[in-house]
């Protein structure tokens, strides 16, 4: 029985890539909710929820992207959500 070879450095990890796309979608959702001058309480609340989701997805993919990337992106999402608080 052949053993599966570990992914090479040129092949992205499919699970990590899926988490990255989902986190990016959550950030895009937050930006859309605040675009075009919309700043209602409900829009801000939904944007903060989207940023919280992005941070949780970052935590899940922490091992795939490394500690430095995790810390940088987590701080960016946390800072953006804090501004909306």
Protein backbone atom coordinates (compact mmCIF):
# COMPACT_ATOMS: atom_id res chain seq x y z
CA UNK A 1 0.00 0.00 0.00
CA UNK A 2 1.43 3.36 -1.03
CA UNK A 3 1.82 6.00 1.60
CA UNK A 4 0.53 9.47 0.92
CA UNK A 5 3.36 11.90 0.56
CA UNK A 6 3.24 15.11 2.54
CA UNK A 7 2.22 18.14 0.52
CA UNK A 8 5.15 19.92 -1.09
CA UNK A 9 5.85 23.55 -0.37
CA UNK A 10 4.34 24.37 -3.78
CA UNK A 11 0.98 22.75 -3.04
CA UNK A 12 -1.32 24.72 -0.74
CA UNK A 13 -3.01 22.72 1.99
CA UNK A 14 -6.66 22.40 0.81
CA UNK A 15 -8.11 22.69 4.31
CA UNK A 16 -6.03 25.75 5.16
CA UNK A 17 -6.94 27.31 1.82
CA UNK A 18 -10.64 26.74 2.51
CA UNK A 19 -10.31 28.37 5.94
CA UNK A 20 -8.43 31.29 4.37
CA UNK A 21 -11.19 31.81 1.80
CA UNK A 22 -13.89 31.64 4.49
CA UNK A 23 -12.04 34.19 6.67
CA UNK A 24 -11.61 36.49 3.69
CA UNK A 25 -15.33 36.18 2.91
CA UNK A 26 -16.16 37.14 6.51
CA UNK A 27 -13.95 40.24 6.30
CA UNK A 28 -15.51 41.18 2.93
CA UNK A 29 -18.96 40.79 4.47
CA UNK A 30 -17.98 43.19 7.26
CA UNK A 31 -16.73 45.73 4.73
CA UNK A 32 -19.89 45.44 2.64
CA UNK A 33 -22.08 46.03 5.67
CA UNK A 34 -20.25 49.26 6.40
CA UNK A 35 -19.92 50.45 2.79
CA UNK A 36 -21.81 53.28 1.13
CA UNK A 37 -22.26 55.22 4.35
CA UNK A 38 -24.30 52.52 6.10
CA UNK A 39 -23.64 52.76 9.81
CA UNK A 40 -26.89 51.63 11.41
CA UNK A 41 -26.66 49.76 14.68
CA UNK A 42 -27.66 46.53 12.98
CA UNK A 43 -25.02 46.93 10.26
CA UNK A 44 -22.31 47.61 12.82
CA UNK A 45 -23.42 44.61 14.87
CA UNK A 46 -23.35 42.31 11.83
CA UNK A 47 -19.94 43.67 10.79
CA UNK A 48 -18.54 42.95 14.25
CA UNK A 49 -19.99 39.43 14.11
CA UNK A 50 -18.31 38.89 10.74
CA UNK A 51 -14.97 40.05 12.14
CA UNK A 52 -15.41 37.72 15.11
CA UNK A 53 -16.03 34.85 12.67
CA UNK A 54 -12.89 35.78 10.72
CA UNK A 55 -10.86 35.69 13.93
CA UNK A 56 -12.20 32.26 14.85
CA UNK A 57 -11.29 30.95 11.39
CA UNK A 58 -7.81 32.40 11.82
CA UNK A 59 -7.47 30.49 15.10
CA UNK A 60 -8.45 27.27 13.33
CA UNK A 61 -5.83 27.80 10.63
CA UNK A 62 -3.11 29.06 12.96
CA UNK A 63 -0.89 26.02 12.45
CA UNK A 64 -1.06 26.18 8.66
CA UNK A 65 -0.10 29.85 8.35
CA UNK A 66 2.32 30.21 11.22
CA UNK A 67 2.34 32.24 14.38
CA UNK A 68 3.54 35.51 12.83
CA UNK A 69 0.77 35.58 10.20
CA UNK A 70 -1.82 34.60 12.80
CA UNK A 71 -0.76 37.37 15.18
CA UNK A 72 -0.71 40.03 12.45
CA UNK A 73 -4.10 39.14 10.96
CA UNK A 74 -5.73 38.58 14.35
CA UNK A 75 -4.54 41.99 15.54
CA UNK A 76 -5.91 43.62 12.38
CA UNK A 77 -9.35 42.03 12.81
CA UNK A 78 -9.40 42.77 16.53
CA UNK A 79 -8.46 46.41 15.93
CA UNK A 80 -11.12 46.85 13.27
CA UNK A 81 -13.79 45.39 15.53
CA UNK A 82 -12.64 47.57 18.42
CA UNK A 83 -13.09 50.72 16.33
CA UNK A 84 -16.71 49.70 15.74
CA UNK A 85 -17.43 49.10 19.43
